[in-house]
Amino acid sequence: MNKLALVFTLFLSIIFVSNSFAQKDPKAKTVLDAMSQKFQSMNGFTAEFDFVFQDEIGASDRQSGEIAVKGEQYRLKLPEQEIFNDGKTVWTYIQSDGYKEVTINDVSQMEGELTPSNIYRMYESGFDYKLVGEKQYQGKSVQVVELIATSSNSPFESVKLMIDKISKDLLGWEMYDGQGGMFSYTFKNLKQNANLPATYFAFDAKKYPGIEVIDLR
């Protein structure tokens, strides 16, 4: 087979595979739209969460934290790290063994990353989706929707969302990197319509004497 014929054959193979797997399940979209609308109707929320990372050989790491989300703003607390996002600027604060530093980025520098505020609408572009089924999750009946990345440049190959069948709340999600790694988030004690001021999502270095500031903007 000459090179031109080989290239053409590969091109047809790519088109065939892409079309055979590409799908936007209408039932899944109904569930996703309801979840997204529920989030947009809330005046923010707070919750506790468990985070688990499991690698390709089965080793896992577990952490617990707190999260607050309001529109495009969020604040994520982990044992030795805290992330502030006020919609324009992202501060990543790290404190360990007496050492303190904060790294500052523009939100535009974080484009393409999965965040607590954009996961509610990430299905709108860059993903196909299907309704996997229903199961019990945290003692509640949830609908499981799988998002499948349509680009090889996506940081995750697929994401599974656990959506409360009754309330339409997003109770947790699992992200798969395609290399055997899985990241899992589970919400607990979800409180809606939290009255959080804008200052809650901004980092004030003046409150942390001696902190090292790394400004990457």
N, C-alpha and C. Protein backbone atom coordinates (compact mmCIF):
# COMPACT_ATOMS: atom_id res chain seq x y z
N MET A 1 0.86 -1.20 0.00
CA MET A 1 0.00 0.00 0.00
C MET A 1 0.88 1.24 0.00
N ASN A 2 0.64 2.20 -0.94
CA ASN A 2 1.47 3.39 -0.97
C ASN A 2 1.10 4.33 0.18
N LYS A 3 1.96 5.32 0.41
CA LYS A 3 1.79 6.20 1.57
C LYS A 3 0.47 6.97 1.52
N LEU A 4 0.10 7.44 0.32
CA LEU A 4 -1.14 8.21 0.19
C LEU A 4 -2.34 7.36 0.54
N ALA A 5 -2.36 6.12 0.04
CA ALA A 5 -3.47 5.22 0.35
C ALA A 5 -3.51 4.90 1.83
N LEU A 6 -2.34 4.75 2.46
CA LEU A 6 -2.28 4.44 3.88
C LEU A 6 -2.85 5.60 4.70
N VAL A 7 -2.44 6.82 4.33
CA VAL A 7 -2.94 8.00 5.04
C VAL A 7 -4.45 8.10 4.90
N PHE A 8 -4.95 7.87 3.68
CA PHE A 8 -6.40 7.95 3.45
C PHE A 8 -7.14 6.89 4.26
N THR A 9 -6.59 5.69 4.34
CA THR A 9 -7.20 4.62 5.11
C THR A 9 -7.24 4.96 6.59
N LEU A 10 -6.15 5.51 7.09
CA LEU A 10 -6.10 5.92 8.50
C LEU A 10 -7.11 7.02 8.77
N PHE A 11 -7.25 7.95 7.82
CA PHE A 11 -8.21 9.04 7.98
C PHE A 11 -9.63 8.50 8.08
N LEU A 12 -9.97 7.54 7.19
CA LEU A 12 -11.30 6.94 7.24
C LEU A 12 -11.52 6.19 8.53
N SER A 13 -10.46 5.55 9.03
CA SER A 13 -10.57 4.81 10.29
C SER A 13 -10.87 5.75 11.44
N ILE A 14 -10.20 6.89 11.45
CA ILE A 14 -10.41 7.88 12.52
C ILE A 14 -11.84 8.40 12.48
N ILE A 15 -12.33 8.72 11.26
CA ILE A 15 -13.69 9.22 11.11
C ILE A 15 -14.70 8.18 11.58
N PHE A 16 -14.48 6.94 11.19
CA PHE A 16 -15.40 5.86 11.56
C PHE A 16 -15.44 5.66 13.06
N VAL A 17 -14.25 5.61 13.69
CA VAL A 17 -14.19 5.39 15.13
C VAL A 17 -14.82 6.55 15.87
N SER A 18 -14.51 7.78 15.44
CA SER A 18 -15.06 8.96 16.11
C SER A 18 -16.58 8.96 16.05
N ASN A 19 -17.12 8.64 14.88
CA ASN A 19 -18.57 8.67 14.73
C ASN A 19 -19.25 7.53 15.47
N SER A 20 -18.57 6.39 15.54
CA SER A 20 -19.19 5.24 16.18
C SER A 20 -19.27 5.41 17.69
N PHE A 21 -18.32 6.17 18.26
CA PHE A 21 -18.33 6.34 19.70
C PHE A 21 -18.96 7.66 20.13
N ALA A 22 -18.98 8.63 19.21
CA ALA A 22 -19.53 9.94 19.58
C ALA A 22 -21.02 9.80 19.83
N GLN A 23 -21.46 10.34 20.93
CA GLN A 23 -22.88 10.28 21.24
C GLN A 23 -23.25 11.33 22.27
N LYS A 24 -24.43 11.86 22.13
CA LYS A 24 -24.98 12.77 23.11
C LYS A 24 -26.37 12.24 23.44
N ASP A 25 -26.40 11.38 24.42
CA ASP A 25 -27.62 10.69 24.82
C ASP A 25 -28.66 11.70 25.31
N PRO A 26 -29.83 11.78 24.66
CA PRO A 26 -30.86 12.75 25.08
C PRO A 26 -31.30 12.56 26.53
N LYS A 27 -31.36 11.31 27.00
CA LYS A 27 -31.74 11.07 28.39
C LYS A 27 -30.68 11.63 29.34
N ALA A 28 -29.42 11.47 28.98
CA ALA A 28 -28.34 12.01 29.81
C ALA A 28 -28.40 13.54 29.82
N LYS A 29 -28.68 14.14 28.66
CA LYS A 29 -28.75 15.60 28.59
C LYS A 29 -29.86 16.15 29.48
N THR A 30 -30.98 15.45 29.55
CA THR A 30 -32.08 15.89 30.42
C THR A 30 -31.62 15.93 31.88
N VAL A 31 -30.89 14.90 32.29
CA VAL A 31 -30.38 14.84 33.66
C VAL A 31 -29.33 15.94 33.89
N LEU A 32 -28.43 16.11 32.94
CA LEU A 32 -27.37 17.12 33.06
C LEU A 32 -27.94 18.54 33.09
N ASP A 33 -28.91 18.81 32.23
CA ASP A 33 -29.52 20.15 32.20
C ASP A 33 -30.21 20.45 33.53
N ALA A 34 -30.88 19.46 34.10
CA ALA A 34 -31.57 19.66 35.38
C ALA A 34 -30.56 19.94 36.49
N MET A 35 -29.43 19.23 36.49
CA MET A 35 -28.38 19.47 37.47
C MET A 35 -27.81 20.87 37.32
N SER A 36 -27.51 21.27 36.08
CA SER A 36 -26.93 22.59 35.82
C SER A 36 -27.89 23.70 36.23
N GLN A 37 -29.17 23.54 35.91
CA GLN A 37 -30.17 24.55 36.29
C GLN A 37 -30.31 24.65 37.80
N LYS A 38 -30.22 23.51 38.48
CA LYS A 38 -30.30 23.52 39.95
C LYS A 38 -29.14 24.32 40.53
N PHE A 39 -27.94 24.10 40.00
CA PHE A 39 -26.77 24.83 40.48
C PHE A 39 -26.92 26.33 40.22
N GLN A 40 -27.38 26.69 39.03
CA GLN A 40 -27.50 28.10 38.67
C GLN A 40 -28.56 28.81 39.51
N SER A 41 -29.53 28.06 40.01
CA SER A 41 -30.60 28.67 40.81
C SER A 41 -30.17 28.93 42.25
N MET A 42 -29.07 28.30 42.66
CA MET A 42 -28.61 28.46 44.04
C MET A 42 -27.75 29.71 44.18
N ASN A 43 -27.83 30.33 45.35
CA ASN A 43 -26.97 31.46 45.65
C ASN A 43 -25.72 30.93 46.37
N GLY A 44 -25.07 29.99 45.71
CA GLY A 44 -23.87 29.40 46.30
C GLY A 44 -24.19 28.23 47.22
N PHE A 45 -23.14 27.49 47.59
CA PHE A 45 -23.29 26.40 48.54
C PHE A 45 -21.96 26.11 49.22
N THR A 46 -22.05 25.44 50.36
CA THR A 46 -20.86 24.94 51.06
C THR A 46 -21.05 23.45 51.29
N ALA A 47 -19.94 22.74 51.42
CA ALA A 47 -20.02 21.30 51.67
C ALA A 47 -18.67 20.81 52.17
N GLU A 48 -18.71 19.67 52.83
CA GLU A 48 -17.50 18.93 53.14
C GLU A 48 -17.34 17.88 52.04
N PHE A 49 -16.12 17.40 51.84
CA PHE A 49 -15.93 16.40 50.81
C PHE A 49 -14.79 15.45 51.16
N ASP A 50 -14.86 14.27 50.59
CA ASP A 50 -13.77 13.31 50.64
C ASP A 50 -13.17 13.23 49.26
N PHE A 51 -11.84 13.22 49.21
CA PHE A 51 -11.12 13.11 47.95
C PHE A 51 -10.24 11.87 47.99
N VAL A 52 -10.34 11.05 46.96
CA VAL A 52 -9.53 9.83 46.88
C VAL A 52 -8.85 9.78 45.51
N PHE A 53 -7.54 9.52 45.54
CA PHE A 53 -6.82 9.26 44.28
C PHE A 53 -6.33 7.83 44.30
N GLN A 54 -6.61 7.11 43.23
CA GLN A 54 -6.15 5.73 43.10
C GLN A 54 -5.37 5.59 41.81
N ASP A 55 -4.14 5.04 41.90
CA ASP A 55 -3.31 4.91 40.70
C ASP A 55 -3.54 3.58 40.00
N GLU A 56 -2.75 3.34 38.96
CA GLU A 56 -2.97 2.18 38.11
C GLU A 56 -2.69 0.84 38.81
N ILE A 57 -1.93 0.86 39.90
CA ILE A 57 -1.63 -0.39 40.60
C ILE A 57 -2.52 -0.59 41.82
N GLY A 58 -3.44 0.34 42.02
CA GLY A 58 -4.41 0.19 43.11
C GLY A 58 -4.07 0.93 44.38
N ALA A 59 -2.88 1.55 44.45
CA ALA A 59 -2.53 2.34 45.63
C ALA A 59 -3.40 3.58 45.69
N SER A 60 -3.82 3.97 46.89
CA SER A 60 -4.73 5.11 46.99
C SER A 60 -4.31 6.08 48.08
N ASP A 61 -4.77 7.29 47.93
CA ASP A 61 -4.52 8.36 48.91
C ASP A 61 -5.85 9.04 49.17
N ARG A 62 -6.18 9.25 50.43
CA ARG A 62 -7.46 9.84 50.80
C ARG A 62 -7.26 11.12 51.62
N GLN A 63 -8.03 12.14 51.30
CA GLN A 63 -8.02 13.39 52.06
C GLN A 63 -9.45 13.89 52.21
N SER A 64 -9.65 14.71 53.21
CA SER A 64 -10.95 15.36 53.42
C SER A 64 -10.76 16.86 53.39
N GLY A 65 -11.80 17.58 53.03
CA GLY A 65 -11.68 19.03 52.96
C GLY A 65 -13.03 19.71 52.97
N GLU A 66 -13.02 21.00 52.70
CA GLU A 66 -14.23 21.80 52.65
C GLU A 66 -14.25 22.60 51.35
N ILE A 67 -15.44 22.91 50.88
CA ILE A 67 -15.57 23.65 49.64
C ILE A 67 -16.71 24.65 49.76
N ALA A 68 -16.52 25.78 49.10
CA ALA A 68 -17.57 26.79 48.98
C ALA A 68 -17.59 27.25 47.53
N VAL A 69 -18.77 27.34 46.95
CA VAL A 69 -18.90 27.75 45.55
C VAL A 69 -20.01 28.78 45.44
N LYS A 70 -19.75 29.83 44.65
CA LYS A 70 -20.77 30.84 44.38
C LYS A 70 -20.53 31.39 42.98
N GLY A 71 -21.35 30.95 42.03
CA GLY A 71 -21.14 31.37 40.65
C GLY A 71 -19.80 30.88 40.14
N GLU A 72 -18.97 31.80 39.66
CA GLU A 72 -17.64 31.45 39.15
C GLU A 72 -16.60 31.42 40.27
N GLN A 73 -16.99 31.76 41.46
CA GLN A 73 -16.05 31.83 42.58
C GLN A 73 -16.07 30.53 43.38
N TYR A 74 -14.92 30.16 43.91
CA TYR A 74 -14.89 29.01 44.80
C TYR A 74 -13.69 29.11 45.75
N ARG A 75 -13.80 28.36 46.83
CA ARG A 75 -12.72 28.25 47.81
C ARG A 75 -12.64 26.79 48.25
N LEU A 76 -11.46 26.22 48.11
CA LEU A 76 -11.26 24.80 48.35
C LEU A 76 -10.22 24.64 49.45
N LYS A 77 -10.59 23.94 50.54
CA LYS A 77 -9.69 23.74 51.67
C LYS A 77 -9.28 22.28 51.78
N LEU A 78 -7.96 22.05 51.79
CA LEU A 78 -7.38 20.74 52.04
C LEU A 78 -6.44 20.87 53.24
N PRO A 79 -5.98 19.77 53.82
CA PRO A 79 -5.15 19.85 55.03
C PRO A 79 -3.96 20.80 54.94
N GLU A 80 -3.22 20.80 53.83
CA GLU A 80 -2.04 21.67 53.73
C GLU A 80 -2.12 22.62 52.54
N GLN A 81 -3.28 22.73 51.95
CA GLN A 81 -3.43 23.58 50.77
C GLN A 81 -4.82 24.20 50.74
N GLU A 82 -4.88 25.43 50.25
CA GLU A 82 -6.16 26.11 50.11
C GLU A 82 -6.14 26.90 48.81
N ILE A 83 -7.20 26.78 48.02
CA ILE A 83 -7.29 27.47 46.74
C ILE A 83 -8.43 28.48 46.79
N PHE A 84 -8.12 29.72 46.45
CA PHE A 84 -9.10 30.81 46.40
C PHE A 84 -9.27 31.22 44.94
N ASN A 85 -10.51 31.43 44.51
CA ASN A 85 -10.78 31.90 43.16
C ASN A 85 -11.93 32.90 43.24
N ASP A 86 -11.64 34.16 42.96
CA ASP A 86 -12.68 35.19 43.03
C ASP A 86 -13.30 35.50 41.68
N GLY A 87 -13.03 34.62 40.69
CA GLY A 87 -13.57 34.83 39.35
C GLY A 87 -12.60 35.51 38.42
N LYS A 88 -11.57 36.15 38.97
CA LYS A 88 -10.56 36.83 38.16
C LYS A 88 -9.16 36.31 38.46
N THR A 89 -8.91 36.03 39.73
CA THR A 89 -7.58 35.61 40.19
C THR A 89 -7.68 34.32 40.98
N VAL A 90 -6.65 33.46 40.83
CA VAL A 90 -6.57 32.21 41.58
C VAL A 90 -5.34 32.25 42.47
N TRP A 91 -5.56 32.02 43.76
CA TRP A 91 -4.46 31.95 44.72
C TRP A 91 -4.36 30.52 45.25
N THR A 92 -3.18 29.93 45.18
CA THR A 92 -2.96 28.60 45.74
C THR A 92 -2.04 28.76 46.95
N TYR A 93 -2.61 28.58 48.13
CA TYR A 93 -1.90 28.79 49.38
C TYR A 93 -1.47 27.45 49.96
N ILE A 94 -0.18 27.33 50.27
CA ILE A 94 0.38 26.10 50.84
C ILE A 94 1.06 26.41 52.16
N GLN A 95 0.75 25.62 53.16
CA GLN A 95 1.38 25.77 54.47
C GLN A 95 1.81 24.38 54.95
N SER A 96 3.10 24.21 55.19
CA SER A 96 3.62 22.91 55.62
C SER A 96 4.87 23.10 56.47
N ASP A 97 4.86 22.52 57.66
CA ASP A 97 6.02 22.57 58.56
C ASP A 97 6.52 23.99 58.79
N GLY A 98 5.60 24.91 58.96
CA GLY A 98 5.97 26.29 59.24
C GLY A 98 6.26 27.13 58.02
N TYR A 99 6.34 26.51 56.85
CA TYR A 99 6.60 27.25 55.62
C TYR A 99 5.29 27.65 54.97
N LYS A 100 5.21 28.89 54.50
CA LYS A 100 3.99 29.39 53.89
C LYS A 100 4.31 30.06 52.55
N GLU A 101 3.54 29.70 51.51
CA GLU A 101 3.68 30.38 50.22
C GLU A 101 2.34 30.44 49.52
N VAL A 102 2.21 31.42 48.66
CA VAL A 102 1.00 31.54 47.84
C VAL A 102 1.43 31.81 46.40
N THR A 103 0.86 31.05 45.47
CA THR A 103 1.10 31.23 44.04
C THR A 103 -0.13 31.89 43.43
N ILE A 104 0.10 32.94 42.64
CA ILE A 104 -1.01 33.72 42.09
C ILE A 104 -1.05 33.56 40.58
N ASN A 105 -2.23 33.24 40.04
CA ASN A 105 -2.45 33.13 38.60
C ASN A 105 -3.71 33.89 38.22
N ASP A 106 -3.77 34.31 36.95
CA ASP A 106 -5.04 34.79 36.40
C ASP A 106 -5.93 33.59 36.12
N VAL A 107 -7.23 33.79 36.22
CA VAL A 107 -8.16 32.71 35.92
C VAL A 107 -7.96 32.22 34.49
N SER A 108 -7.63 33.13 33.56
CA SER A 108 -7.44 32.75 32.16
C SER A 108 -6.30 31.75 31.99
N GLN A 109 -5.33 31.76 32.91
CA GLN A 109 -4.21 30.83 32.84
C GLN A 109 -4.63 29.41 33.24
N MET A 110 -5.79 29.28 33.84
CA MET A 110 -6.27 27.98 34.32
C MET A 110 -7.32 27.38 33.39
N GLU A 111 -7.47 27.96 32.19
CA GLU A 111 -8.49 27.49 31.25
C GLU A 111 -8.24 26.02 30.90
N GLY A 112 -9.33 25.28 30.79
CA GLY A 112 -9.23 23.87 30.45
C GLY A 112 -9.18 22.96 31.65
N GLU A 113 -8.95 23.53 32.84
CA GLU A 113 -8.90 22.71 34.04
C GLU A 113 -10.30 22.51 34.60
N LEU A 114 -10.48 21.37 35.21
CA LEU A 114 -11.75 21.08 35.87
C LEU A 114 -11.77 21.73 37.24
N THR A 115 -12.78 22.56 37.51
CA THR A 115 -12.86 23.27 38.79
C THR A 115 -14.22 23.02 39.43
N PRO A 116 -14.33 23.33 40.72
CA PRO A 116 -15.63 23.14 41.40
C PRO A 116 -16.76 23.96 40.81
N SER A 117 -16.43 25.04 40.11
CA SER A 117 -17.50 25.88 39.56
C SER A 117 -17.87 25.51 38.13
N ASN A 118 -16.94 24.93 37.36
CA ASN A 118 -17.30 24.64 35.97
C ASN A 118 -17.74 23.21 35.72
N ILE A 119 -17.62 22.34 36.72
CA ILE A 119 -18.03 20.95 36.50
C ILE A 119 -19.52 20.83 36.21
N TYR A 120 -20.29 21.83 36.63
CA TYR A 120 -21.74 21.80 36.43
C TYR A 120 -22.15 22.08 34.99
N ARG A 121 -21.22 22.56 34.19
CA ARG A 121 -21.55 22.85 32.79
C ARG A 121 -20.49 22.33 31.82
N MET A 122 -19.55 21.54 32.33
CA MET A 122 -18.46 21.07 31.48
C MET A 122 -18.98 20.19 30.33
N TYR A 123 -20.15 19.60 30.51
CA TYR A 123 -20.70 18.73 29.47
C TYR A 123 -21.12 19.48 28.22
N GLU A 124 -21.21 20.81 28.32
CA GLU A 124 -21.72 21.60 27.21
C GLU A 124 -20.77 21.62 26.00
N SER A 125 -19.49 21.37 26.23
CA SER A 125 -18.54 21.32 25.11
C SER A 125 -17.37 20.41 25.47
N GLY A 126 -16.86 19.72 24.46
CA GLY A 126 -15.69 18.88 24.65
C GLY A 126 -15.97 17.48 25.15
N PHE A 127 -17.25 17.14 25.33
CA PHE A 127 -17.60 15.83 25.84
C PHE A 127 -18.84 15.28 25.15
N ASP A 128 -18.84 13.97 24.93
CA ASP A 128 -20.06 13.24 24.66
C ASP A 128 -20.55 12.70 26.00
N TYR A 129 -21.78 12.23 26.05
CA TYR A 129 -22.29 11.77 27.34
C TYR A 129 -23.36 10.71 27.15
N LYS A 130 -23.48 9.88 28.19
CA LYS A 130 -24.51 8.84 28.17
C LYS A 130 -24.97 8.56 29.59
N LEU A 131 -26.21 8.17 29.72
CA LEU A 131 -26.79 7.80 31.00
C LEU A 131 -26.42 6.34 31.26
N VAL A 132 -25.59 6.11 32.27
CA VAL A 132 -25.10 4.76 32.57
C VAL A 132 -26.16 3.94 33.29
N GLY A 133 -26.89 4.58 34.21
CA GLY A 133 -27.91 3.86 34.97
C GLY A 133 -28.15 4.53 36.31
N GLU A 134 -28.71 3.78 37.23
CA GLU A 134 -29.00 4.29 38.57
C GLU A 134 -28.36 3.36 39.61
N LYS A 135 -28.05 3.94 40.78
CA LYS A 135 -27.52 3.14 41.88
C LYS A 135 -27.72 3.90 43.19
N GLN A 136 -27.44 3.23 44.29
CA GLN A 136 -27.48 3.86 45.60
C GLN A 136 -26.12 4.47 45.90
N TYR A 137 -26.13 5.72 46.35
CA TYR A 137 -24.89 6.46 46.59
C TYR A 137 -25.14 7.37 47.78
N GLN A 138 -24.38 7.20 48.84
CA GLN A 138 -24.62 7.96 50.08
C GLN A 138 -26.04 7.76 50.58
N GLY A 139 -26.58 6.57 50.39
CA GLY A 139 -27.92 6.28 50.86
C GLY A 139 -29.02 6.91 50.04
N LYS A 140 -28.67 7.44 48.85
CA LYS A 140 -29.66 8.08 47.99
C LYS A 140 -29.64 7.43 46.61
N SER A 141 -30.75 7.53 45.92
CA SER A 141 -30.83 7.02 44.56
C SER A 141 -30.27 8.07 43.61
N VAL A 142 -29.23 7.70 42.88
CA VAL A 142 -28.59 8.65 41.97
C VAL A 142 -28.62 8.12 40.54
N GLN A 143 -28.59 9.06 39.61
CA GLN A 143 -28.43 8.74 38.20
C GLN A 143 -26.97 8.99 37.84
N VAL A 144 -26.35 8.00 37.21
CA VAL A 144 -24.94 8.09 36.85
C VAL A 144 -24.82 8.46 35.38
N VAL A 145 -24.18 9.59 35.13
CA VAL A 145 -23.94 10.05 33.76
C VAL A 145 -22.45 10.03 33.49
N GLU A 146 -22.06 9.42 32.40
CA GLU A 146 -20.64 9.38 32.02
C GLU A 146 -20.37 10.38 30.91
N LEU A 147 -19.36 11.21 31.11
CA LEU A 147 -18.89 12.15 30.09
C LEU A 147 -17.63 11.58 29.47
N ILE A 148 -17.57 11.55 28.14
CA ILE A 148 -16.41 11.01 27.44
C ILE A 148 -15.77 12.13 26.63
N ALA A 149 -14.50 12.40 26.90
CA ALA A 149 -13.80 13.49 26.22
C ALA A 149 -13.72 13.24 24.72
N THR A 150 -13.94 14.28 23.94
CA THR A 150 -13.87 14.15 22.48
C THR A 150 -12.52 14.57 21.93
N SER A 151 -11.65 15.10 22.79
CA SER A 151 -10.32 15.53 22.36
C SER A 151 -9.25 14.78 23.13
N SER A 152 -8.19 14.41 22.44
CA SER A 152 -7.07 13.72 23.09
C SER A 152 -6.30 14.65 24.01
N ASN A 153 -6.54 15.96 23.90
CA ASN A 153 -5.85 16.94 24.75
C ASN A 153 -6.56 17.16 26.07
N SER A 154 -7.70 16.54 26.26
CA SER A 154 -8.44 16.72 27.51
C SER A 154 -7.65 16.12 28.67
N PRO A 155 -7.63 16.82 29.83
CA PRO A 155 -6.88 16.29 30.98
C PRO A 155 -7.47 15.00 31.52
N PHE A 156 -8.73 14.71 31.20
CA PHE A 156 -9.36 13.47 31.66
C PHE A 156 -10.04 12.78 30.49
N GLU A 157 -9.91 11.45 30.47
CA GLU A 157 -10.53 10.66 29.42
C GLU A 157 -12.04 10.58 29.60
N SER A 158 -12.47 10.44 30.86
CA SER A 158 -13.90 10.37 31.14
C SER A 158 -14.19 10.82 32.56
N VAL A 159 -15.43 11.21 32.79
CA VAL A 159 -15.87 11.66 34.12
C VAL A 159 -17.25 11.05 34.37
N LYS A 160 -17.45 10.49 35.55
CA LYS A 160 -18.76 9.98 35.93
C LYS A 160 -19.35 10.88 37.01
N LEU A 161 -20.57 11.36 36.77
CA LEU A 161 -21.25 12.25 37.70
C LEU A 161 -22.36 11.49 38.41
N MET A 162 -22.45 11.66 39.75
CA MET A 162 -23.50 11.04 40.54
C MET A 162 -24.52 12.12 40.89
N ILE A 163 -25.69 12.06 40.28
CA ILE A 163 -26.69 13.13 40.40
C ILE A 163 -27.92 12.59 41.11
N ASP A 164 -28.28 13.25 42.22
CA ASP A 164 -29.44 12.84 43.00
C ASP A 164 -30.68 12.83 42.11
N LYS A 165 -31.35 11.69 42.07
CA LYS A 165 -32.49 11.54 41.18
C LYS A 165 -33.63 12.48 41.53
N ILE A 166 -33.79 12.79 42.81
CA ILE A 166 -34.91 13.64 43.25
C ILE A 166 -34.53 15.12 43.25
N SER A 167 -33.45 15.45 43.97
CA SER A 167 -33.09 16.86 44.16
C SER A 167 -32.29 17.44 43.01
N LYS A 168 -31.67 16.59 42.17
CA LYS A 168 -30.80 16.98 41.06
C LYS A 168 -29.48 17.57 41.55
N ASP A 169 -29.16 17.38 42.83
CA ASP A 169 -27.86 17.81 43.34
C ASP A 169 -26.76 16.89 42.82
N LEU A 170 -25.59 17.47 42.57
CA LEU A 170 -24.42 16.68 42.22
C LEU A 170 -23.77 16.23 43.53
N LEU A 171 -23.80 14.94 43.80
CA LEU A 171 -23.32 14.41 45.08
C LEU A 171 -21.86 13.95 45.02
N GLY A 172 -21.35 13.77 43.83
CA GLY A 172 -19.96 13.34 43.70
C GLY A 172 -19.62 13.05 42.26
N TRP A 173 -18.32 12.86 42.00
CA TRP A 173 -17.90 12.52 40.66
C TRP A 173 -16.58 11.75 40.70
N GLU A 174 -16.34 11.00 39.63
CA GLU A 174 -15.11 10.24 39.46
C GLU A 174 -14.49 10.64 38.13
N MET A 175 -13.17 10.93 38.14
CA MET A 175 -12.47 11.34 36.93
C MET A 175 -11.40 10.31 36.61
N TYR A 176 -11.32 9.90 35.35
CA TYR A 176 -10.38 8.89 34.90
C TYR A 176 -9.40 9.52 33.90
N ASP A 177 -8.10 9.34 34.16
CA ASP A 177 -7.11 10.01 33.32
C ASP A 177 -6.67 9.19 32.11
N GLY A 178 -7.18 7.98 31.95
CA GLY A 178 -6.81 7.16 30.81
C GLY A 178 -5.51 6.41 30.99
N GLN A 179 -4.82 6.65 32.12
CA GLN A 179 -3.57 5.96 32.42
C GLN A 179 -3.72 5.03 33.61
N GLY A 180 -4.96 4.78 34.01
CA GLY A 180 -5.19 3.93 35.17
C GLY A 180 -5.44 4.70 36.45
N GLY A 181 -5.34 6.02 36.39
CA GLY A 181 -5.57 6.84 37.57
C GLY A 181 -7.03 7.26 37.69
N MET A 182 -7.53 7.31 38.91
CA MET A 182 -8.93 7.72 39.15
C MET A 182 -8.98 8.70 40.32
N PHE A 183 -9.65 9.83 40.12
CA PHE A 183 -9.83 10.85 41.14
C PHE A 183 -11.31 10.88 41.51
N SER A 184 -11.61 10.75 42.79
CA SER A 184 -12.99 10.67 43.24
C SER A 184 -13.28 11.76 44.27
N TYR A 185 -14.40 12.47 44.09
CA TYR A 185 -14.86 13.47 45.04
C TYR A 185 -16.27 13.11 45.50
N THR A 186 -16.49 13.15 46.80
CA THR A 186 -17.80 12.87 47.36
C THR A 186 -18.21 14.01 48.29
N PHE A 187 -19.36 14.62 48.03
CA PHE A 187 -19.85 15.72 48.87
C PHE A 187 -20.59 15.18 50.09
N LYS A 188 -20.45 15.91 51.21
CA LYS A 188 -21.20 15.61 52.43
C LYS A 188 -21.68 16.93 53.03
N ASN A 189 -22.79 16.87 53.75
CA ASN A 189 -23.31 18.06 54.45
C ASN A 189 -23.43 19.26 53.52
N LEU A 190 -24.05 19.04 52.38
CA LEU A 190 -24.25 20.11 51.40
C LEU A 190 -25.27 21.12 51.93
N LYS A 191 -24.86 22.39 51.96
CA LYS A 191 -25.75 23.46 52.41
C LYS A 191 -25.89 24.48 51.29
N GLN A 192 -27.12 24.66 50.83
CA GLN A 192 -27.37 25.55 49.71
C GLN A 192 -27.63 26.98 50.15
N ASN A 193 -27.50 27.88 49.15
CA ASN A 193 -27.78 29.30 49.35
C ASN A 193 -26.98 29.90 50.50
N ALA A 194 -25.70 29.52 50.55
CA ALA A 194 -24.82 30.07 51.58
C ALA A 194 -24.57 31.56 51.31
N ASN A 195 -24.72 32.37 52.33
CA ASN A 195 -24.55 33.81 52.20
C ASN A 195 -23.07 34.16 52.38
N LEU A 196 -22.31 34.07 51.30
CA LEU A 196 -20.86 34.27 51.36
C LEU A 196 -20.47 35.56 50.66
N PRO A 197 -19.73 36.45 51.34
CA PRO A 197 -19.29 37.69 50.70
C PRO A 197 -18.18 37.44 49.70
N ALA A 198 -17.98 38.37 48.79
CA ALA A 198 -16.94 38.23 47.76
C ALA A 198 -15.56 38.09 48.38
N THR A 199 -15.34 38.74 49.54
CA THR A 199 -14.03 38.69 50.18
C THR A 199 -13.67 37.28 50.65
N TYR A 200 -14.66 36.41 50.81
CA TYR A 200 -14.39 35.05 51.27
C TYR A 200 -13.60 34.27 50.22
N PHE A 201 -13.71 34.68 48.95
CA PHE A 201 -13.06 33.95 47.87
C PHE A 201 -11.75 34.60 47.41
N ALA A 202 -11.30 35.63 48.12
CA ALA A 202 -10.06 36.32 47.78
C ALA A 202 -9.03 36.12 48.89
N PHE A 203 -7.79 35.96 48.50
CA PHE A 203 -6.71 35.74 49.46
C PHE A 203 -6.06 37.08 49.82
N ASP A 204 -5.87 37.32 51.11
CA ASP A 204 -5.25 38.56 51.59
C ASP A 204 -3.91 38.21 52.22
N ALA A 205 -2.83 38.46 51.49
CA ALA A 205 -1.49 38.11 51.96
C ALA A 205 -1.10 38.85 53.24
N LYS A 206 -1.74 39.99 53.49
CA LYS A 206 -1.41 40.77 54.69
C LYS A 206 -1.76 40.01 55.97
N LYS A 207 -2.65 39.06 55.87
CA LYS A 207 -3.05 38.28 57.05
C LYS A 207 -2.08 37.14 57.35
N TYR A 208 -1.05 37.00 56.50
CA TYR A 208 -0.10 35.90 56.66
C TYR A 208 1.32 36.45 56.67
N PRO A 209 1.76 37.01 57.78
CA PRO A 209 3.12 37.58 57.86
C PRO A 209 4.19 36.55 57.51
N GLY A 210 5.16 36.97 56.73
CA GLY A 210 6.28 36.08 56.38
C GLY A 210 6.01 35.15 55.22
N ILE A 211 4.86 35.27 54.60
CA ILE A 211 4.53 34.37 53.49
C ILE A 211 5.32 34.73 52.24
N GLU A 212 5.73 33.70 51.48
CA GLU A 212 6.40 33.93 50.21
C GLU A 212 5.32 34.02 49.12
N VAL A 213 5.39 35.09 48.33
CA VAL A 213 4.42 35.33 47.27
C VAL A 213 5.05 35.07 45.92
N ILE A 214 4.46 34.16 45.14
CA ILE A 214 4.94 33.84 43.79
C ILE A 214 3.86 34.28 42.81
N ASP A 215 4.08 35.42 42.19
CA ASP A 215 3.08 36.00 41.30
C ASP A 215 3.40 35.63 39.86
N LEU A 216 2.56 34.77 39.25
CA LEU A 216 2.79 34.29 37.89
C LEU A 216 1.89 34.97 36.87
N ARG A 217 1.25 36.05 37.25
CA ARG A 217 0.35 36.74 36.32
C ARG A 217 1.15 37.52 35.27
